[in-house]
Amino acid sequence: KVKVVISPKKIKLAPGATERIKLNFKPKNKKAPVFGWLSFEAKQTKCSIPATIPVILIPEGTELKQKLRLGKVKVNLSGDQSFINISTAMKNSKKGAPALFLKAQFIFTNIKAGGAKSPEIVRARLSNNVSLPGDTIRLVGGLNFHKLKDGVYKLKVTVTSEEGGVDLTKTIRVVINRDIDNKVKVVE
């Protein structure tokens, strides 16, 4: 736990006004990094998403390593059978390093075509583009079903970051077959 001293303790802001506040973090262990989120809310914005800012305080000389892993990749067909939904989660270990400005994509490559046809690239939406130790981030995306012919595809999930050294990849196989009930199937 980290003690946080906020100065001034209370402020009143008129609409459009600004005020500077000071946060002083006092960790028990001065050599350990501090990670967390500052959340800003107001009574008037009840039920809306609060503004958040990541807190990343790393003492000089501290070495942190990325300890991220991708979970099971789910691929399924929408109810009206027009859209392929793709999702997975990325977990950052509590002893991992932060990563900023995350980007992800899903790449479908037809295995039989041998690269003759260009792959279908789907830019993933992330639940957050910042990953702090202990965080789990959802990655979701989709593709129109008609864009993929029947066949076996390599689905490659990639996650990178502009800061934090993330370069994560997971590859699975997906079978598309319109002649069976389960038209989209993951084969690991």
C-alpha atoms as a PDB file:
ATOM      1  CA  LYS A   1       0.000   0.000   0.000  1.00  0.00           C
ATOM      2  CA  VAL A   2       1.012   3.561  -0.664  1.00  0.00           C
ATOM      3  CA  LYS A   3      -0.011   6.609   1.324  1.00  0.00           C
ATOM      4  CA  VAL A   4      -1.078   9.505  -0.895  1.00  0.00           C
ATOM      5  CA  VAL A   5      -1.176  13.073   0.412  1.00  0.00           C
ATOM      6  CA  ILE A   6      -3.365  15.409  -1.655  1.00  0.00           C
ATOM      7  CA  SER A   7      -2.935  19.141  -1.412  1.00  0.00           C
ATOM      8  CA  PRO A   8      -5.283  20.996  -1.188  1.00  0.00           C
ATOM      9  CA  LYS A   9      -7.559  18.362   0.364  1.00  0.00           C
ATOM     10  CA  LYS A  10     -10.711  19.825  -1.191  1.00  0.00           C
ATOM     11  CA  ILE A  11     -11.326  22.110  -4.165  1.00  0.00           C
ATOM     12  CA  LYS A  12     -14.358  23.676  -5.803  1.00  0.00           C
ATOM     13  CA  LEU A  13     -14.279  24.207  -9.532  1.00  0.00           C
ATOM     14  CA  ALA A  14     -16.584  26.471 -11.460  1.00  0.00           C
ATOM     15  CA  PRO A  15     -17.511  25.216 -14.954  1.00  0.00           C
ATOM     16  CA  GLY A  16     -14.503  25.666 -17.250  1.00  0.00           C
ATOM     17  CA  ALA A  17     -12.140  26.562 -14.382  1.00  0.00           C
ATOM     18  CA  THR A  18      -8.847  24.826 -13.654  1.00  0.00           C
ATOM     19  CA  GLU A  19      -6.996  24.167 -10.436  1.00  0.00           C
ATOM     20  CA  ARG A  20      -3.588  22.676  -9.760  1.00  0.00           C
ATOM     21  CA  ILE A  21      -3.364  19.938  -7.142  1.00  0.00           C
ATOM     22  CA  LYS A  22      -0.321  18.195  -5.720  1.00  0.00           C
ATOM     23  CA  LEU A  23      -0.153  14.462  -5.051  1.00  0.00           C
ATOM     24  CA  ASN A  24       2.636  13.173  -2.847  1.00  0.00           C
ATOM     25  CA  PHE A  25       3.078   9.386  -2.938  1.00  0.00           C
ATOM     26  CA  LYS A  26       4.718   7.920   0.175  1.00  0.00           C
ATOM     27  CA  PRO A  27       5.450   4.212  -0.338  1.00  0.00           C
ATOM     28  CA  LYS A  28       6.594   2.124   2.618  1.00  0.00           C
ATOM     29  CA  ASN A  29       9.356   0.628   0.477  1.00  0.00           C
ATOM     30  CA  LYS A  30      11.126   3.527  -1.266  1.00  0.00           C
ATOM     31  CA  LYS A  31      12.916   1.137  -3.666  1.00  0.00           C
ATOM     32  CA  ALA A  32       9.721  -0.536  -4.947  1.00  0.00           C
ATOM     33  CA  PRO A  33       7.834   0.835  -7.965  1.00  0.00           C
ATOM     34  CA  VAL A  34       4.358   2.310  -7.509  1.00  0.00           C
ATOM     35  CA  PHE A  35       1.581   1.599 -10.022  1.00  0.00           C
ATOM     36  CA  GLY A  36      -2.075   2.531  -9.961  1.00  0.00           C
ATOM     37  CA  TRP A  37      -4.834   4.653 -11.416  1.00  0.00           C
ATOM     38  CA  LEU A  38      -6.115   8.084 -10.438  1.00  0.00           C
ATOM     39  CA  SER A  39      -9.821   8.356 -11.076  1.00  0.00           C
ATOM     40  CA  PHE A  40     -11.667  11.668 -11.400  1.00  0.00           C
ATOM     41  CA  GLU A  41     -15.405  11.743 -10.801  1.00  0.00           C
ATOM     42  CA  ALA A  42     -18.089  14.298 -10.001  1.00  0.00           C
ATOM     43  CA  LYS A  43     -21.587  13.971  -8.555  1.00  0.00           C
ATOM     44  CA  GLN A  44     -23.030  15.491 -11.732  1.00  0.00           C
ATOM     45  CA  THR A  45     -21.455  12.751 -13.884  1.00  0.00           C
ATOM     46  CA  LYS A  46     -22.987   9.819 -12.024  1.00  0.00           C
ATOM     47  CA  CYS A  47     -23.209   6.661 -14.175  1.00  0.00           C
ATOM     48  CA  SER A  48     -20.639   7.968 -16.659  1.00  0.00           C
ATOM     49  CA  ILE A  49     -17.127   6.622 -17.116  1.00  0.00           C
ATOM     50  CA  PRO A  50     -14.675   8.510 -14.875  1.00  0.00           C
ATOM     51  CA  ALA A  51     -11.540  10.065 -16.306  1.00  0.00           C
ATOM     52  CA  THR A  52      -8.503   8.013 -15.314  1.00  0.00           C
ATOM     53  CA  ILE A  53      -4.778   8.649 -15.393  1.00  0.00           C
ATOM     54  CA  PRO A  54      -2.155   5.920 -14.890  1.00  0.00           C
ATOM     55  CA  VAL A  55       0.338   6.389 -12.051  1.00  0.00           C
ATOM     56  CA  ILE A  56       3.787   4.993 -12.839  1.00  0.00           C
ATOM     57  CA  LEU A  57       6.590   5.754 -10.375  1.00  0.00           C
ATOM     58  CA  ILE A  58       9.737   3.683 -10.890  1.00  0.00           C
ATOM     59  CA  PRO A  59      12.745   4.372  -8.634  1.00  0.00           C
ATOM     60  CA  GLU A  60      16.018   5.034 -10.432  1.00  0.00           C
ATOM     61  CA  GLY A  61      17.980   1.850 -11.134  1.00  0.00           C
ATOM     62  CA  THR A  62      14.940  -0.446 -10.897  1.00  0.00           C
ATOM     63  CA  GLU A  63      14.803  -3.055 -13.677  1.00  0.00           C
ATOM     64  CA  LEU A  64      11.356  -4.344 -14.668  1.00  0.00           C
ATOM     65  CA  LYS A  65      10.593  -7.086 -17.204  1.00  0.00           C
ATOM     66  CA  GLN A  66       7.458  -7.554 -19.265  1.00  0.00           C
ATOM     67  CA  LYS A  67       5.402 -10.495 -18.005  1.00  0.00           C
ATOM     68  CA  LEU A  68       2.373 -10.391 -20.301  1.00  0.00           C
ATOM     69  CA  ARG A  69       0.408 -13.342 -21.633  1.00  0.00           C
ATOM     70  CA  LEU A  70      -2.473 -13.723 -24.034  1.00  0.00           C
ATOM     71  CA  GLY A  71      -5.426 -15.863 -22.978  1.00  0.00           C
ATOM     72  CA  LYS A  72      -7.540 -18.221 -25.045  1.00  0.00           C
ATOM     73  CA  VAL A  73      -8.578 -16.727 -28.377  1.00  0.00           C
ATOM     74  CA  LYS A  74     -12.316 -17.016 -29.082  1.00  0.00           C
ATOM     75  CA  VAL A  75     -13.671 -16.886 -32.621  1.00  0.00           C
ATOM     76  CA  ASN A  76     -17.388 -17.223 -33.332  1.00  0.00           C
ATOM     77  CA  LEU A  77     -20.026 -16.304 -35.845  1.00  0.00           C
ATOM     78  CA  SER A  78     -22.616 -13.624 -35.077  1.00  0.00           C
ATOM     79  CA  GLY A  79     -26.274 -14.632 -34.631  1.00  0.00           C
ATOM     80  CA  ASP A  80     -27.182 -13.550 -38.162  1.00  0.00           C
ATOM     81  CA  GLN A  81     -24.075 -15.355 -39.518  1.00  0.00           C
ATOM     82  CA  SER A  82     -22.696 -12.254 -41.228  1.00  0.00           C
ATOM     83  CA  PHE A  83     -19.837 -11.325 -38.919  1.00  0.00           C
ATOM     84  CA  ILE A  84     -16.890 -13.180 -37.332  1.00  0.00           C
ATOM     85  CA  ASN A  85     -16.229 -12.021 -33.748  1.00  0.00           C
ATOM     86  CA  ILE A  86     -12.724 -12.390 -32.303  1.00  0.00           C
ATOM     87  CA  SER A  87     -11.752 -11.821 -28.676  1.00  0.00           C
ATOM     88  CA  THR A  88      -9.031 -12.570 -26.155  1.00  0.00           C
ATOM     89  CA  ALA A  89      -7.581 -11.087 -22.987  1.00  0.00           C
ATOM     90  CA  MET A  90      -4.051  -9.993 -22.153  1.00  0.00           C
ATOM     91  CA  LYS A  91      -2.945 -10.331 -18.523  1.00  0.00           C
ATOM     92  CA  ASN A  92      -0.055  -8.384 -17.040  1.00  0.00           C
ATOM     93  CA  SER A  93       1.591 -10.117 -14.071  1.00  0.00           C
ATOM     94  CA  LYS A  94       1.575  -8.243 -10.742  1.00  0.00           C
ATOM     95  CA  LYS A  95       5.379  -8.350 -10.977  1.00  0.00           C
ATOM     96  CA  GLY A  96       5.455  -7.214 -14.615  1.00  0.00           C
ATOM     97  CA  ALA A  97       6.296  -3.878 -16.195  1.00  0.00           C
ATOM     98  CA  PRO A  98       3.947  -1.162 -17.445  1.00  0.00           C
ATOM     99  CA  ALA A  99       3.251  -0.756 -21.159  1.00  0.00           C
ATOM    100  CA  LEU A 100       1.947   2.404 -22.801  1.00  0.00           C
ATOM    101  CA  PHE A 101       0.238   3.072 -26.137  1.00  0.00           C
ATOM    102  CA  LEU A 102      -0.720  -0.536 -26.851  1.00  0.00           C
ATOM    103  CA  LYS A 103      -1.829  -1.602 -30.334  1.00  0.00           C
ATOM    104  CA  ALA A 104      -3.190  -4.973 -31.420  1.00  0.00           C
ATOM    105  CA  GLN A 105      -4.371  -6.721 -34.547  1.00  0.00           C
ATOM    106  CA  PHE A 106      -5.758 -10.043 -35.751  1.00  0.00           C
ATOM    107  CA  ILE A 107      -4.321 -11.394 -39.024  1.00  0.00           C
ATOM    108  CA  PHE A 108      -6.113 -14.157 -41.001  1.00  0.00           C
ATOM    109  CA  THR A 109      -3.921 -15.992 -43.552  1.00  0.00           C
ATOM    110  CA  ASN A 110      -5.312 -18.810 -45.701  1.00  0.00           C
ATOM    111  CA  ILE A 111      -2.902 -21.738 -45.191  1.00  0.00           C
ATOM    112  CA  LYS A 112      -3.737 -23.470 -48.513  1.00  0.00           C
ATOM    113  CA  ALA A 113      -3.219 -20.302 -50.543  1.00  0.00           C
ATOM    114  CA  GLY A 114       0.370 -20.213 -49.253  1.00  0.00           C
ATOM    115  CA  GLY A 115       0.439 -16.448 -49.058  1.00  0.00           C
ATOM    116  CA  ALA A 116      -0.769 -16.073 -52.664  1.00  0.00           C
ATOM    117  CA  LYS A 117      -3.715 -14.023 -51.393  1.00  0.00           C
ATOM    118  CA  SER A 118      -3.026 -11.109 -49.092  1.00  0.00           C
ATOM    119  CA  PRO A 119      -4.069 -11.702 -45.467  1.00  0.00           C
ATOM    120  CA  GLU A 120      -7.138 -10.102 -43.902  1.00  0.00           C
ATOM    121  CA  ILE A 121      -5.983  -7.729 -41.162  1.00  0.00           C
ATOM    122  CA  VAL A 122      -8.376  -6.679 -38.399  1.00  0.00           C
ATOM    123  CA  ARG A 123      -7.358  -3.879 -36.060  1.00  0.00           C
ATOM    124  CA  ALA A 124      -8.294  -4.891 -32.527  1.00  0.00           C
ATOM    125  CA  ARG A 125     -10.078  -2.615 -30.081  1.00  0.00           C
ATOM    126  CA  LEU A 126      -8.542  -2.652 -26.616  1.00  0.00           C
ATOM    127  CA  SER A 127     -10.365  -2.010 -23.344  1.00  0.00           C
ATOM    128  CA  ASN A 128      -7.381   0.177 -22.407  1.00  0.00           C
ATOM    129  CA  ASN A 129      -4.207   1.192 -24.243  1.00  0.00           C
ATOM    130  CA  VAL A 130      -2.181   1.250 -21.002  1.00  0.00           C
ATOM    131  CA  SER A 131      -1.286  -1.909 -19.089  1.00  0.00           C
ATOM    132  CA  LEU A 132      -0.077  -1.689 -15.499  1.00  0.00           C
ATOM    133  CA  PRO A 133       1.078  -4.693 -13.447  1.00  0.00           C
ATOM    134  CA  GLY A 134      -1.970  -6.763 -12.435  1.00  0.00           C
ATOM    135  CA  ASP A 135      -4.190  -5.378 -15.230  1.00  0.00           C
ATOM    136  CA  THR A 136      -6.212  -7.445 -17.691  1.00  0.00           C
ATOM    137  CA  ILE A 137      -7.004  -5.902 -21.057  1.00  0.00           C
ATOM    138  CA  ARG A 138      -9.692  -7.177 -23.445  1.00  0.00           C
ATOM    139  CA  LEU A 139      -8.962  -7.301 -27.174  1.00  0.00           C
ATOM    140  CA  VAL A 140     -11.910  -7.554 -29.567  1.00  0.00           C
ATOM    141  CA  GLY A 141     -12.394  -7.314 -33.286  1.00  0.00           C
ATOM    142  CA  GLY A 142     -14.454  -8.602 -36.146  1.00  0.00           C
ATOM    143  CA  LEU A 143     -14.581  -9.289 -39.828  1.00  0.00           C
ATOM    144  CA  ASN A 144     -17.396  -9.673 -42.377  1.00  0.00           C
ATOM    145  CA  PHE A 145     -17.924 -13.414 -42.863  1.00  0.00           C
ATOM    146  CA  HIS A 146     -18.081 -13.088 -46.662  1.00  0.00           C
ATOM    147  CA  LYS A 147     -14.438 -11.891 -46.747  1.00  0.00           C
ATOM    148  CA  LEU A 148     -13.165 -15.378 -45.860  1.00  0.00           C
ATOM    149  CA  LYS A 149     -13.658 -18.319 -48.234  1.00  0.00           C
ATOM    150  CA  ASP A 150     -13.986 -21.855 -46.838  1.00  0.00           C
ATOM    151  CA  GLY A 151     -10.622 -23.190 -45.708  1.00  0.00           C
ATOM    152  CA  VAL A 152      -8.107 -23.389 -42.881  1.00  0.00           C
ATOM    153  CA  TYR A 153      -6.667 -20.096 -41.689  1.00  0.00           C
ATOM    154  CA  LYS A 154      -3.795 -19.155 -39.477  1.00  0.00           C
ATOM    155  CA  LEU A 155      -5.031 -16.456 -37.078  1.00  0.00           C
ATOM    156  CA  LYS A 156      -2.180 -14.461 -35.624  1.00  0.00           C
ATOM    157  CA  VAL A 157      -2.836 -12.130 -32.678  1.00  0.00           C
ATOM    158  CA  THR A 158      -0.180  -9.440 -32.224  1.00  0.00           C
ATOM    159  CA  VAL A 159       0.181  -6.840 -29.480  1.00  0.00           C
ATOM    160  CA  THR A 160       2.855  -4.138 -29.488  1.00  0.00           C
ATOM    161  CA  SER A 161       3.500  -0.968 -27.519  1.00  0.00           C
ATOM    162  CA  GLU A 162       5.194   2.321 -28.270  1.00  0.00           C
ATOM    163  CA  GLU A 163       6.624   2.377 -24.733  1.00  0.00           C
ATOM    164  CA  GLY A 164       7.307  -0.637 -22.544  1.00  0.00           C
ATOM    165  CA  GLY A 165       8.795  -3.073 -25.051  1.00  0.00           C
ATOM    166  CA  VAL A 166       5.707  -5.203 -25.728  1.00  0.00           C
ATOM    167  CA  ASP A 167       5.960  -7.533 -28.720  1.00  0.00           C
ATOM    168  CA  LEU A 168       3.528 -10.365 -28.066  1.00  0.00           C
ATOM    169  CA  THR A 169       2.208 -12.923 -30.575  1.00  0.00           C
ATOM    170  CA  LYS A 170      -0.142 -15.900 -30.407  1.00  0.00           C
ATOM    171  CA  THR A 171      -1.120 -18.048 -33.392  1.00  0.00           C
ATOM    172  CA  ILE A 172      -4.077 -20.419 -33.704  1.00  0.00           C
ATOM    173  CA  ARG A 173      -5.869 -22.149 -36.577  1.00  0.00           C
ATOM    174  CA  VAL A 174      -9.438 -21.387 -37.590  1.00  0.00           C
ATOM    175  CA  VAL A 175     -11.519 -23.571 -39.901  1.00  0.00           C
ATOM    176  CA  ILE A 176     -14.208 -21.908 -42.040  1.00  0.00           C
ATOM    177  CA  ASN A 177     -16.715 -24.382 -43.515  1.00  0.00           C
ATOM    178  CA  ARG A 178     -20.147 -23.185 -44.624  1.00  0.00           C
ATOM    179  CA  ASP A 179     -21.359 -26.785 -45.179  1.00  0.00           C
ATOM    180  CA  ILE A 180     -21.536 -27.672 -41.457  1.00  0.00           C
ATOM    181  CA  ASP A 181     -23.533 -26.297 -38.509  1.00  0.00           C
ATOM    182  CA  ASN A 182     -20.456 -24.925 -36.722  1.00  0.00           C
ATOM    183  CA  LYS A 183     -19.242 -22.803 -39.653  1.00  0.00           C
ATOM    184  CA  VAL A 184     -16.339 -21.249 -37.707  1.00  0.00           C
ATOM    185  CA  LYS A 185     -14.202 -23.438 -35.471  1.00  0.00           C
ATOM    186  CA  VAL A 186     -10.955 -22.839 -33.575  1.00  0.00           C
ATOM    187  CA  VAL A 187      -8.437 -25.693 -33.866  1.00  0.00           C
ATOM    188  CA  GLU A 188      -5.453 -25.243 -31.526  1.00  0.00           C
END
